[in-house]
PDB file of N, CA and C in Angstrom:
ATOM      1  N   MET A   1     -63.780 -20.101  35.177  1.00  0.00           N
ATOM      2  CA  MET A   1     -63.781 -19.148  36.278  1.00  0.00           C
ATOM      3  C   MET A   1     -65.166 -18.529  36.405  1.00  0.00           C
ATOM      4  N   ALA A   2     -65.550 -18.320  37.630  1.00  0.00           N
ATOM      5  CA  ALA A   2     -66.848 -17.714  37.896  1.00  0.00           C
ATOM      6  C   ALA A   2     -66.658 -16.429  38.686  1.00  0.00           C
ATOM      7  N   ASN A   3     -67.390 -15.407  38.285  1.00  0.00           N
ATOM      8  CA  ASN A   3     -67.415 -14.156  39.038  1.00  0.00           C
ATOM      9  C   ASN A   3     -68.665 -14.147  39.900  1.00  0.00           C
ATOM     10  N   ILE A   4     -68.481 -13.890  41.178  1.00  0.00           N
ATOM     11  CA  ILE A   4     -69.589 -13.875  42.117  1.00  0.00           C
ATOM     12  C   ILE A   4     -69.631 -12.499  42.768  1.00  0.00           C
ATOM     13  N   TYR A   5     -70.715 -11.775  42.565  1.00  0.00           N
ATOM     14  CA  TYR A   5     -70.898 -10.464  43.174  1.00  0.00           C
ATOM     15  C   TYR A   5     -71.659 -10.650  44.480  1.00  0.00           C
ATOM     16  N   LEU A   6     -71.105 -10.137  45.557  1.00  0.00           N
ATOM     17  CA  LEU A   6     -71.768 -10.320  46.836  1.00  0.00           C
ATOM     18  C   LEU A   6     -71.518  -9.135  47.750  1.00  0.00           C
ATOM     19  N   ASN A   7     -72.300  -9.087  48.796  1.00  0.00           N
ATOM     20  CA  ASN A   7     -72.020  -8.148  49.873  1.00  0.00           C
ATOM     21  C   ASN A   7     -72.112  -8.918  51.181  1.00  0.00           C
ATOM     22  N   THR A   8     -71.437  -8.382  52.150  1.00  0.00           N
ATOM     23  CA  THR A   8     -71.484  -8.976  53.470  1.00  0.00           C
ATOM     24  C   THR A   8     -71.748  -7.854  54.458  1.00  0.00           C
ATOM     25  N   LYS A   9     -72.600  -8.146  55.443  1.00  0.00           N
ATOM     26  CA  LYS A   9     -73.054  -7.115  56.364  1.00  0.00           C
ATOM     27  C   LYS A   9     -72.931  -7.606  57.799  1.00  0.00           C
ATOM     28  N   LYS A  10     -72.530  -6.702  58.685  1.00  0.00           N
ATOM     29  CA  LYS A  10     -72.467  -7.044  60.110  1.00  0.00           C
ATOM     30  C   LYS A  10     -72.985  -5.870  60.932  1.00  0.00           C
ATOM     31  N   ASP A  11     -73.802  -6.204  61.915  1.00  0.00           N
ATOM     32  CA  ASP A  11     -74.207  -5.269  62.950  1.00  0.00           C
ATOM     33  C   ASP A  11     -73.180  -5.449  64.063  1.00  0.00           C
ATOM     34  N   LEU A  12     -72.402  -4.432  64.342  1.00  0.00           N
ATOM     35  CA  LEU A  12     -71.308  -4.547  65.309  1.00  0.00           C
ATOM     36  C   LEU A  12     -71.864  -4.369  66.722  1.00  0.00           C
ATOM     37  N   THR A  13     -72.369  -5.463  67.258  1.00  0.00           N
ATOM     38  CA  THR A  13     -73.056  -5.461  68.546  1.00  0.00           C
ATOM     39  C   THR A  13     -72.106  -5.548  69.734  1.00  0.00           C
ATOM     40  N   ALA A  14     -70.822  -5.744  69.470  1.00  0.00           N
ATOM     41  CA  ALA A  14     -69.825  -5.825  70.546  1.00  0.00           C
ATOM     42  C   ALA A  14     -68.592  -5.019  70.148  1.00  0.00           C
ATOM     43  N   ALA A  15     -67.857  -4.589  71.123  1.00  0.00           N
ATOM     44  CA  ALA A  15     -66.616  -3.826  70.875  1.00  0.00           C
ATOM     45  C   ALA A  15     -65.436  -4.794  70.807  1.00  0.00           C
ATOM     46  N   THR A  16     -65.586  -5.798  69.930  1.00  0.00           N
ATOM     47  CA  THR A  16     -64.539  -6.796  69.719  1.00  0.00           C
ATOM     48  C   THR A  16     -64.332  -6.982  68.223  1.00  0.00           C
ATOM     49  N   ALA A  17     -63.237  -7.610  67.850  1.00  0.00           N
ATOM     50  CA  ALA A  17     -62.958  -7.877  66.441  1.00  0.00           C
ATOM     51  C   ALA A  17     -64.036  -8.795  65.869  1.00  0.00           C
ATOM     52  N   THR A  18     -64.562  -8.406  64.700  1.00  0.00           N
ATOM     53  CA  THR A  18     -65.608  -9.153  64.020  1.00  0.00           C
ATOM     54  C   THR A  18     -65.162  -9.432  62.599  1.00  0.00           C
ATOM     55  N   THR A  19     -65.184 -10.695  62.197  1.00  0.00           N
ATOM     56  CA  THR A  19     -64.817 -11.036  60.821  1.00  0.00           C
ATOM     57  C   THR A  19     -65.936 -10.612  59.886  1.00  0.00           C
ATOM     58  N   LEU A  20     -65.573  -9.777  58.915  1.00  0.00           N
ATOM     59  CA  LEU A  20     -66.532  -9.292  57.928  1.00  0.00           C
ATOM     60  C   LEU A  20     -66.508 -10.161  56.674  1.00  0.00           C
ATOM     61  N   TYR A  21     -65.312 -10.639  56.279  1.00  0.00           N
ATOM     62  CA  TYR A  21     -65.196 -11.431  55.052  1.00  0.00           C
ATOM     63  C   TYR A  21     -63.923 -12.262  55.091  1.00  0.00           C
ATOM     64  N   THR A  22     -64.032 -13.493  54.625  1.00  0.00           N
ATOM     65  CA  THR A  22     -62.888 -14.381  54.447  1.00  0.00           C
ATOM     66  C   THR A  22     -62.894 -14.863  53.005  1.00  0.00           C
ATOM     67  N   VAL A  23     -61.775 -14.721  52.313  1.00  0.00           N
ATOM     68  CA  VAL A  23     -61.683 -15.159  50.926  1.00  0.00           C
ATOM     69  C   VAL A  23     -61.593 -16.690  50.902  1.00  0.00           C
ATOM     70  N   PRO A  24     -62.436 -17.358  50.109  1.00  0.00           N
ATOM     71  CA  PRO A  24     -62.335 -18.806  50.004  1.00  0.00           C
ATOM     72  C   PRO A  24     -60.970 -19.231  49.451  1.00  0.00           C
ATOM     73  N   SER A  25     -60.580 -20.457  49.745  1.00  0.00           N
ATOM     74  CA  SER A  25     -59.254 -20.943  49.351  1.00  0.00           C
ATOM     75  C   SER A  25     -59.102 -21.090  47.839  1.00  0.00           C
ATOM     76  N   ASN A  26     -60.196 -21.104  47.095  1.00  0.00           N
ATOM     77  CA  ASN A  26     -60.130 -21.259  45.644  1.00  0.00           C
ATOM     78  C   ASN A  26     -60.464 -19.959  44.906  1.00  0.00           C
ATOM     79  N   SER A  27     -60.349 -18.832  45.591  1.00  0.00           N
ATOM     80  CA  SER A  27     -60.812 -17.560  45.010  1.00  0.00           C
ATOM     81  C   SER A  27     -59.884 -16.410  45.349  1.00  0.00           C
ATOM     82  N   ARG A  28     -60.130 -15.309  44.677  1.00  0.00           N
ATOM     83  CA  ARG A  28     -59.578 -14.005  45.022  1.00  0.00           C
ATOM     84  C   ARG A  28     -60.776 -13.093  45.254  1.00  0.00           C
ATOM     85  N   GLY A  29     -60.603 -12.088  46.085  1.00  0.00           N
ATOM     86  CA  GLY A  29     -61.686 -11.148  46.341  1.00  0.00           C
ATOM     87  C   GLY A  29     -61.247  -9.739  46.005  1.00  0.00           C
ATOM     88  N   ILE A  30     -62.110  -9.006  45.352  1.00  0.00           N
ATOM     89  CA  ILE A  30     -61.865  -7.591  45.097  1.00  0.00           C
ATOM     90  C   ILE A  30     -62.888  -6.821  45.915  1.00  0.00           C
ATOM     91  N   LEU A  31     -62.400  -6.190  46.963  1.00  0.00           N
ATOM     92  CA  LEU A  31     -63.250  -5.398  47.853  1.00  0.00           C
ATOM     93  C   LEU A  31     -63.431  -4.035  47.216  1.00  0.00           C
ATOM     94  N   LYS A  32     -64.638  -3.753  46.779  1.00  0.00           N
ATOM     95  CA  LYS A  32     -64.932  -2.516  46.053  1.00  0.00           C
ATOM     96  C   LYS A  32     -65.368  -1.388  46.978  1.00  0.00           C
ATOM     97  N   SER A  33     -66.092  -1.743  48.039  1.00  0.00           N
ATOM     98  CA  SER A  33     -66.667  -0.733  48.907  1.00  0.00           C
ATOM     99  C   SER A  33     -66.656  -1.241  50.343  1.00  0.00           C
ATOM    100  N   LEU A  34     -66.362  -0.345  51.265  1.00  0.00           N
ATOM    101  CA  LEU A  34     -66.453  -0.659  52.691  1.00  0.00           C
ATOM    102  C   LEU A  34     -67.153   0.516  53.358  1.00  0.00           C
ATOM    103  N   LEU A  35     -68.445   0.346  53.604  1.00  0.00           N
ATOM    104  CA  LEU A  35     -69.295   1.403  54.130  1.00  0.00           C
ATOM    105  C   LEU A  35     -69.556   1.137  55.609  1.00  0.00           C
ATOM    106  N   ILE A  36     -69.278   2.144  56.430  1.00  0.00           N
ATOM    107  CA  ILE A  36     -69.543   2.067  57.860  1.00  0.00           C
ATOM    108  C   ILE A  36     -70.650   3.066  58.172  1.00  0.00           C
ATOM    109  N   SER A  37     -71.702   2.596  58.818  1.00  0.00           N
ATOM    110  CA  SER A  37     -72.862   3.439  59.111  1.00  0.00           C
ATOM    111  C   SER A  37     -73.145   3.437  60.610  1.00  0.00           C
ATOM    112  N   SER A  38     -73.498   4.615  61.117  1.00  0.00           N
ATOM    113  CA  SER A  38     -73.832   4.764  62.525  1.00  0.00           C
ATOM    114  C   SER A  38     -75.343   4.940  62.672  1.00  0.00           C
ATOM    115  N   ASP A  39     -75.907   4.260  63.653  1.00  0.00           N
ATOM    116  CA  ASP A  39     -77.319   4.477  63.978  1.00  0.00           C
ATOM    117  C   ASP A  39     -77.446   4.983  65.414  1.00  0.00           C
ATOM    118  N   SER A  40     -76.404   5.674  65.858  1.00  0.00           N
ATOM    119  CA  SER A  40     -76.349   6.163  67.226  1.00  0.00           C
ATOM    120  C   SER A  40     -76.249   7.684  67.247  1.00  0.00           C
ATOM    121  N   GLY A  41     -76.710   8.277  68.296  1.00  0.00           N
ATOM    122  CA  GLY A  41     -76.588   9.721  68.482  1.00  0.00           C
ATOM    123  C   GLY A  41     -75.220  10.130  68.997  1.00  0.00           C
ATOM    124  N   SER A  42     -74.315   9.163  69.144  1.00  0.00           N
ATOM    125  CA  SER A  42     -72.965   9.452  69.634  1.00  0.00           C
ATOM    126  C   SER A  42     -71.930   9.012  68.613  1.00  0.00           C
ATOM    127  N   ALA A  43     -70.899   9.806  68.444  1.00  0.00           N
ATOM    128  CA  ALA A  43     -69.798   9.455  67.551  1.00  0.00           C
ATOM    129  C   ALA A  43     -69.004   8.297  68.147  1.00  0.00           C
ATOM    130  N   THR A  44     -68.283   7.586  67.303  1.00  0.00           N
ATOM    131  CA  THR A  44     -67.448   6.468  67.747  1.00  0.00           C
ATOM    132  C   THR A  44     -66.315   6.294  66.750  1.00  0.00           C
ATOM    133  N   THR A  45     -65.564   5.216  66.869  1.00  0.00           N
ATOM    134  CA  THR A  45     -64.472   4.936  65.935  1.00  0.00           C
ATOM    135  C   THR A  45     -64.512   3.474  65.519  1.00  0.00           C
ATOM    136  N   ILE A  46     -63.789   3.201  64.427  1.00  0.00           N
ATOM    137  CA  ILE A  46     -63.658   1.830  63.938  1.00  0.00           C
ATOM    138  C   ILE A  46     -62.235   1.593  63.476  1.00  0.00           C
ATOM    139  N   THR A  47     -61.785   0.351  63.610  1.00  0.00           N
ATOM    140  CA  THR A  47     -60.484  -0.074  63.100  1.00  0.00           C
ATOM    141  C   THR A  47     -60.725  -1.249  62.164  1.00  0.00           C
ATOM    142  N   VAL A  48     -60.000  -1.276  61.033  1.00  0.00           N
ATOM    143  CA  VAL A  48     -60.146  -2.342  60.042  1.00  0.00           C
ATOM    144  C   VAL A  48     -58.786  -2.989  59.834  1.00  0.00           C
ATOM    145  N   ASP A  49     -58.752  -4.310  59.978  1.00  0.00           N
ATOM    146  CA  ASP A  49     -57.510  -5.069  59.834  1.00  0.00           C
ATOM    147  C   ASP A  49     -57.660  -6.149  58.771  1.00  0.00           C
ATOM    148  N   LEU A  50     -56.549  -6.406  58.063  1.00  0.00           N
ATOM    149  CA  LEU A  50     -56.469  -7.475  57.070  1.00  0.00           C
ATOM    150  C   LEU A  50     -55.446  -8.484  57.564  1.00  0.00           C
ATOM    151  N   PHE A  51     -55.824  -9.757  57.588  1.00  0.00           N
ATOM    152  CA  PHE A  51     -54.933 -10.834  58.016  1.00  0.00           C
ATOM    153  C   PHE A  51     -54.618 -11.715  56.815  1.00  0.00           C
ATOM    154  N   ASP A  52     -53.369 -12.187  56.725  1.00  0.00           N
ATOM    155  CA  ASP A  52     -53.007 -13.042  55.599  1.00  0.00           C
ATOM    156  C   ASP A  52     -53.260 -14.525  55.892  1.00  0.00           C
ATOM    157  N   GLY A  53     -54.254 -14.792  56.684  1.00  0.00           N
ATOM    158  CA  GLY A  53     -54.674 -16.140  57.048  1.00  0.00           C
ATOM    159  C   GLY A  53     -55.514 -16.074  58.301  1.00  0.00           C
ATOM    160  N   ASP A  54     -55.530 -17.149  59.055  1.00  0.00           N
ATOM    161  CA  ASP A  54     -56.303 -17.226  60.286  1.00  0.00           C
ATOM    162  C   ASP A  54     -55.850 -16.134  61.256  1.00  0.00           C
ATOM    163  N   PRO A  55     -56.746 -15.246  61.681  1.00  0.00           N
ATOM    164  CA  PRO A  55     -56.347 -14.144  62.576  1.00  0.00           C
ATOM    165  C   PRO A  55     -55.670 -14.592  63.869  1.00  0.00           C
ATOM    166  N   ALA A  56     -55.898 -15.819  64.293  1.00  0.00           N
ATOM    167  CA  ALA A  56     -55.278 -16.302  65.526  1.00  0.00           C
ATOM    168  C   ALA A  56     -53.771 -16.477  65.381  1.00  0.00           C
ATOM    169  N   SER A  57     -53.295 -16.655  64.138  1.00  0.00           N
ATOM    170  CA  SER A  57     -51.873 -16.924  63.952  1.00  0.00           C
ATOM    171  C   SER A  57     -51.228 -16.182  62.784  1.00  0.00           C
ATOM    172  N   ALA A  58     -51.991 -15.466  61.988  1.00  0.00           N
ATOM    173  CA  ALA A  58     -51.470 -14.825  60.775  1.00  0.00           C
ATOM    174  C   ALA A  58     -50.959 -13.419  61.051  1.00  0.00           C
ATOM    175  N   ASN A  59     -50.260 -12.877  60.062  1.00  0.00           N
ATOM    176  CA  ASN A  59     -49.797 -11.491  60.123  1.00  0.00           C
ATOM    177  C   ASN A  59     -50.986 -10.547  59.995  1.00  0.00           C
ATOM    178  N   LYS A  60     -50.962  -9.479  60.780  1.00  0.00           N
ATOM    179  CA  LYS A  60     -52.032  -8.470  60.757  1.00  0.00           C
ATOM    180  C   LYS A  60     -51.519  -7.205  60.082  1.00  0.00           C
ATOM    181  N   PHE A  61     -52.350  -6.652  59.199  1.00  0.00           N
ATOM    182  CA  PHE A  61     -52.056  -5.399  58.521  1.00  0.00           C
ATOM    183  C   PHE A  61     -53.228  -4.452  58.784  1.00  0.00           C
ATOM    184  N   THR A  62     -52.990  -3.387  59.509  1.00  0.00           N
ATOM    185  CA  THR A  62     -54.055  -2.444  59.819  1.00  0.00           C
ATOM    186  C   THR A  62     -54.287  -1.540  58.611  1.00  0.00           C
ATOM    187  N   LEU A  63     -55.509  -1.563  58.098  1.00  0.00           N
ATOM    188  CA  LEU A  63     -55.865  -0.737  56.940  1.00  0.00           C
ATOM    189  C   LEU A  63     -56.376   0.637  57.363  1.00  0.00           C
ATOM    190  N   PHE A  64     -57.193   0.655  58.404  1.00  0.00           N
ATOM    191  CA  PHE A  64     -57.752   1.899  58.942  1.00  0.00           C
ATOM    192  C   PHE A  64     -57.670   1.793  60.455  1.00  0.00           C
ATOM    193  N   ASN A  65     -57.009   2.739  61.079  1.00  0.00           N
ATOM    194  CA  ASN A  65     -56.770   2.671  62.513  1.00  0.00           C
ATOM    195  C   ASN A  65     -57.520   3.775  63.239  1.00  0.00           C
ATOM    196  N   VAL A  66     -58.512   3.410  64.030  1.00  0.00           N
ATOM    197  CA  VAL A  66     -59.286   4.323  64.866  1.00  0.00           C
ATOM    198  C   VAL A  66     -59.829   5.498  64.036  1.00  0.00           C
ATOM    199  N   VAL A  67     -60.641   5.153  63.031  1.00  0.00           N
ATOM    200  CA  VAL A  67     -61.260   6.151  62.153  1.00  0.00           C
ATOM    201  C   VAL A  67     -62.527   6.677  62.820  1.00  0.00           C
ATOM    202  N   ASP A  68     -62.668   7.987  62.861  1.00  0.00           N
ATOM    203  CA  ASP A  68     -63.859   8.615  63.443  1.00  0.00           C
ATOM    204  C   ASP A  68     -65.079   8.392  62.561  1.00  0.00           C
ATOM    205  N   ILE A  69     -66.170   7.989  63.192  1.00  0.00           N
ATOM    206  CA  ILE A  69     -67.461   7.849  62.520  1.00  0.00           C
ATOM    207  C   ILE A  69     -68.430   8.764  63.269  1.00  0.00           C
ATOM    208  N   ALA A  70     -68.964   9.741  62.567  1.00  0.00           N
ATOM    209  CA  ALA A  70     -69.858  10.720  63.183  1.00  0.00           C
ATOM    210  C   ALA A  70     -71.190  10.071  63.562  1.00  0.00           C
ATOM    211  N   ALA A  71     -71.865  10.674  64.507  1.00  0.00           N
ATOM    212  CA  ALA A  71     -73.174  10.204  64.940  1.00  0.00           C
ATOM    213  C   ALA A  71     -74.157  10.228  63.770  1.00  0.00           C
ATOM    214  N   ASN A  72     -74.946   9.176  63.636  1.00  0.00           N
ATOM    215  CA  ASN A  72     -75.995   9.084  62.613  1.00  0.00           C
ATOM    216  C   ASN A  72     -75.495   9.414  61.216  1.00  0.00           C
ATOM    217  N   ALA A  73     -74.304   8.937  60.874  1.00  0.00           N
ATOM    218  CA  ALA A  73     -73.704   9.226  59.568  1.00  0.00           C
ATOM    219  C   ALA A  73     -73.133   7.954  58.970  1.00  0.00           C
ATOM    220  N   SER A  74     -72.810   8.024  57.681  1.00  0.00           N
ATOM    221  CA  SER A  74     -72.153   6.921  56.978  1.00  0.00           C
ATOM    222  C   SER A  74     -70.828   7.402  56.426  1.00  0.00           C
ATOM    223  N   THR A  75     -69.844   6.514  56.440  1.00  0.00           N
ATOM    224  CA  THR A  75     -68.510   6.847  55.938  1.00  0.00           C
ATOM    225  C   THR A  75     -68.046   5.735  55.008  1.00  0.00           C
ATOM    226  N   GLN A  76     -67.658   6.103  53.796  1.00  0.00           N
ATOM    227  CA  GLN A  76     -67.080   5.165  52.835  1.00  0.00           C
ATOM    228  C   GLN A  76     -65.573   5.146  53.079  1.00  0.00           C
ATOM    229  N   LEU A  77     -65.038   4.036  53.556  1.00  0.00           N
ATOM    230  CA  LEU A  77     -63.625   3.993  53.903  1.00  0.00           C
ATOM    231  C   LEU A  77     -62.713   3.801  52.692  1.00  0.00           C
ATOM    232  N   LEU A  78     -63.142   3.021  51.716  1.00  0.00           N
ATOM    233  CA  LEU A  78     -62.274   2.760  50.561  1.00  0.00           C
ATOM    234  C   LEU A  78     -62.429   3.824  49.486  1.00  0.00           C
ATOM    235  N   THR A  79     -61.312   4.245  48.923  1.00  0.00           N
ATOM    236  CA  THR A  79     -61.350   5.135  47.762  1.00  0.00           C
ATOM    237  C   THR A  79     -60.913   4.406  46.497  1.00  0.00           C
ATOM    238  N   GLU A  80     -60.284   3.244  46.651  1.00  0.00           N
ATOM    239  CA  GLU A  80     -59.862   2.387  45.546  1.00  0.00           C
ATOM    240  C   GLU A  80     -60.149   0.942  45.941  1.00  0.00           C
ATOM    241  N   PRO A  81     -60.308   0.050  44.970  1.00  0.00           N
ATOM    242  CA  PRO A  81     -60.537  -1.358  45.303  1.00  0.00           C
ATOM    243  C   PRO A  81     -59.332  -1.963  46.027  1.00  0.00           C
ATOM    244  N   LEU A  82     -59.601  -2.958  46.850  1.00  0.00           N
ATOM    245  CA  LEU A  82     -58.572  -3.683  47.579  1.00  0.00           C
ATOM    246  C   LEU A  82     -58.616  -5.139  47.130  1.00  0.00           C
ATOM    247  N   ILE A  83     -57.483  -5.640  46.634  1.00  0.00           N
ATOM    248  CA  ILE A  83     -57.387  -7.026  46.210  1.00  0.00           C
ATOM    249  C   ILE A  83     -57.074  -7.886  47.431  1.00  0.00           C
ATOM    250  N   MET A  84     -57.842  -8.944  47.613  1.00  0.00           N
ATOM    251  CA  MET A  84     -57.616  -9.877  48.712  1.00  0.00           C
ATOM    252  C   MET A  84     -57.307 -11.252  48.131  1.00  0.00           C
ATOM    253  N   LEU A  85     -56.291 -11.909  48.689  1.00  0.00           N
ATOM    254  CA  LEU A  85     -55.850 -13.213  48.215  1.00  0.00           C
ATOM    255  C   LEU A  85     -56.532 -14.341  48.970  1.00  0.00           C
ATOM    256  N   GLU A  86     -56.304 -15.563  48.514  1.00  0.00           N
ATOM    257  CA  GLU A  86     -56.887 -16.748  49.120  1.00  0.00           C
ATOM    258  C   GLU A  86     -56.673 -16.755  50.631  1.00  0.00           C
ATOM    259  N   ASN A  87     -57.729 -17.070  51.357  1.00  0.00           N
ATOM    260  CA  ASN A  87     -57.706 -17.243  52.818  1.00  0.00           C
ATOM    261  C   ASN A  87     -57.458 -15.979  53.621  1.00  0.00           C
ATOM    262  N   GLU A  88     -57.364 -14.827  52.987  1.00  0.00           N
ATOM    263  CA  GLU A  88     -57.202 -13.593  53.758  1.00  0.00           C
ATOM    264  C   GLU A  88     -58.518 -13.251  54.456  1.00  0.00           C
ATOM    265  N   VAL A  89     -58.397 -12.575  55.602  1.00  0.00           N
ATOM    266  CA  VAL A  89     -59.545 -12.284  56.454  1.00  0.00           C
ATOM    267  C   VAL A  89     -59.610 -10.784  56.729  1.00  0.00           C
ATOM    268  N   LEU A  90     -60.785 -10.204  56.547  1.00  0.00           N
ATOM    269  CA  LEU A  90     -61.025  -8.795  56.844  1.00  0.00           C
ATOM    270  C   LEU A  90     -61.827  -8.713  58.136  1.00  0.00           C
ATOM    271  N   GLN A  91     -61.266  -8.018  59.128  1.00  0.00           N
ATOM    272  CA  GLN A  91     -61.957  -7.846  60.405  1.00  0.00           C
ATOM    273  C   GLN A  91     -62.170  -6.374  60.699  1.00  0.00           C
ATOM    274  N   VAL A  92     -63.294  -6.089  61.356  1.00  0.00           N
ATOM    275  CA  VAL A  92     -63.607  -4.739  61.803  1.00  0.00           C
ATOM    276  C   VAL A  92     -63.788  -4.764  63.312  1.00  0.00           C
ATOM    277  N   THR A  93     -63.333  -3.690  63.962  1.00  0.00           N
ATOM    278  CA  THR A  93     -63.480  -3.588  65.417  1.00  0.00           C
ATOM    279  C   THR A  93     -64.065  -2.229  65.753  1.00  0.00           C
ATOM    280  N   ALA A  94     -65.267  -2.229  66.301  1.00  0.00           N
ATOM    281  CA  ALA A  94     -65.919  -0.992  66.733  1.00  0.00           C
ATOM    282  C   ALA A  94     -65.418  -0.642  68.134  1.00  0.00           C
ATOM    283  N   ALA A  95     -65.251   0.648  68.390  1.00  0.00           N
ATOM    284  CA  ALA A  95     -64.838   1.085  69.730  1.00  0.00           C
ATOM    285  C   ALA A  95     -65.966   0.927  70.741  1.00  0.00           C
ATOM    286  N   ASP A  96     -67.205   0.998  70.250  1.00  0.00           N
ATOM    287  CA  ASP A  96     -68.376   0.913  71.127  1.00  0.00           C
ATOM    288  C   ASP A  96     -69.379  -0.070  70.538  1.00  0.00           C
ATOM    289  N   ALA A  97     -70.027  -0.829  71.387  1.00  0.00           N
ATOM    290  CA  ALA A  97     -71.030  -1.800  70.953  1.00  0.00           C
ATOM    291  C   ALA A  97     -72.319  -1.108  70.528  1.00  0.00           C
ATOM    292  N   ASP A  98     -73.017  -1.722  69.590  1.00  0.00           N
ATOM    293  CA  ASP A  98     -74.362  -1.318  69.173  1.00  0.00           C
ATOM    294  C   ASP A  98     -74.457   0.091  68.601  1.00  0.00           C
ATOM    295  N   ARG A  99     -73.422   0.530  67.897  1.00  0.00           N
ATOM    296  CA  ARG A  99     -73.482   1.850  67.265  1.00  0.00           C
ATOM    297  C   ARG A  99     -73.237   1.802  65.763  1.00  0.00           C
ATOM    298  N   LEU A 100     -72.579   0.742  65.277  1.00  0.00           N
ATOM    299  CA  LEU A 100     -72.138   0.730  63.883  1.00  0.00           C
ATOM    300  C   LEU A 100     -72.595  -0.511  63.128  1.00  0.00           C
ATOM    301  N   PHE A 101     -72.728  -0.319  61.810  1.00  0.00           N
ATOM    302  CA  PHE A 101     -72.940  -1.399  60.851  1.00  0.00           C
ATOM    303  C   PHE A 101     -71.808  -1.319  59.832  1.00  0.00           C
ATOM    304  N   ALA A 102     -71.332  -2.478  59.372  1.00  0.00           N
ATOM    305  CA  ALA A 102     -70.309  -2.531  58.327  1.00  0.00           C
ATOM    306  C   ALA A 102     -70.870  -3.311  57.146  1.00  0.00           C
ATOM    307  N   THR A 103     -70.715  -2.757  55.944  1.00  0.00           N
ATOM    308  CA  THR A 103     -71.165  -3.410  54.720  1.00  0.00           C
ATOM    309  C   THR A 103     -70.040  -3.369  53.699  1.00  0.00           C
ATOM    310  N   ALA A 104     -69.682  -4.531  53.171  1.00  0.00           N
ATOM    311  CA  ALA A 104     -68.638  -4.629  52.156  1.00  0.00           C
ATOM    312  C   ALA A 104     -69.241  -5.154  50.862  1.00  0.00           C
ATOM    313  N   SER A 105     -68.866  -4.530  49.739  1.00  0.00           N
ATOM    314  CA  SER A 105     -69.259  -5.007  48.412  1.00  0.00           C
ATOM    315  C   SER A 105     -68.036  -5.655  47.787  1.00  0.00           C
ATOM    316  N   ILE A 106     -68.205  -6.885  47.318  1.00  0.00           N
ATOM    317  CA  ILE A 106     -67.067  -7.699  46.905  1.00  0.00           C
ATOM    318  C   ILE A 106     -67.354  -8.391  45.575  1.00  0.00           C
ATOM    319  N   LEU A 107     -66.322  -8.450  44.728  1.00  0.00           N
ATOM    320  CA  LEU A 107     -66.329  -9.313  43.552  1.00  0.00           C
ATOM    321  C   LEU A 107     -65.409 -10.472  43.884  1.00  0.00           C
ATOM    322  N   GLU A 108     -65.966 -11.659  43.946  1.00  0.00           N
ATOM    323  CA  GLU A 108     -65.184 -12.854  44.250  1.00  0.00           C
ATOM    324  C   GLU A 108     -64.935 -13.585  42.937  1.00  0.00           C
ATOM    325  N   ILE A 109     -63.680 -13.867  42.647  1.00  0.00           N
ATOM    326  CA  ILE A 109     -63.312 -14.552  41.413  1.00  0.00           C
ATOM    327  C   ILE A 109     -62.877 -15.963  41.786  1.00  0.00           C
ATOM    328  N   ASN A 110     -63.697 -16.908  41.420  1.00  0.00           N
ATOM    329  CA  ASN A 110     -63.460 -18.320  41.716  1.00  0.00           C
ATOM    330  C   ASN A 110     -62.670 -18.916  40.560  1.00  0.00           C
ATOM    331  N   ARG A 111     -61.577 -19.620  40.856  1.00  0.00           N
ATOM    332  CA  ARG A 111     -60.717 -20.155  39.815  1.00  0.00           C
ATOM    333  C   ARG A 111     -61.123 -21.534  39.317  1.00  0.00           C
ATOM    334  N   GLU A 112     -62.160 -22.095  39.885  1.00  0.00           N
ATOM    335  CA  GLU A 112     -62.606 -23.429  39.455  1.00  0.00           C
ATOM    336  C   GLU A 112     -63.672 -23.303  38.387  1.00  0.00           C
ATOM    337  N   ASP A 113     -63.591 -24.168  37.404  1.00  0.00           N
ATOM    338  CA  ASP A 113     -64.631 -24.209  36.370  1.00  0.00           C
ATOM    339  C   ASP A 113     -65.908 -24.801  36.954  1.00  0.00           C
ATOM    340  N   ARG A 114     -67.022 -24.260  36.549  1.00  0.00           N
ATOM    341  CA  ARG A 114     -68.309 -24.747  37.052  1.00  0.00           C
ATOM    342  C   ARG A 114     -69.086 -25.366  35.924  1.00  0.00           C
TER     343      ARG A 114
END
């Protein structure tokens, strides 16, 4: 088994669902941190959803629904780690384009020997 420490970052340039992280089929993911940062002078909101597979056809579980993000501020959404299973997908949706950045810190545990 291999432990892979990574982060994934997205500039939310559109007010549409954006995939932040997908767990590989041979791994589990432990989401340690989900930081949302604003670089705008206007407040906005964000929604975070977890899908148990391909978002086009899988079950959706809303983790954070329309959370306020203050202007020019950062908000740490997670207070505890979130375990993600194989093929699960984490998506973020900004209410407004070009105001937010999303950064996730993840420990990915690969079950294959290297």
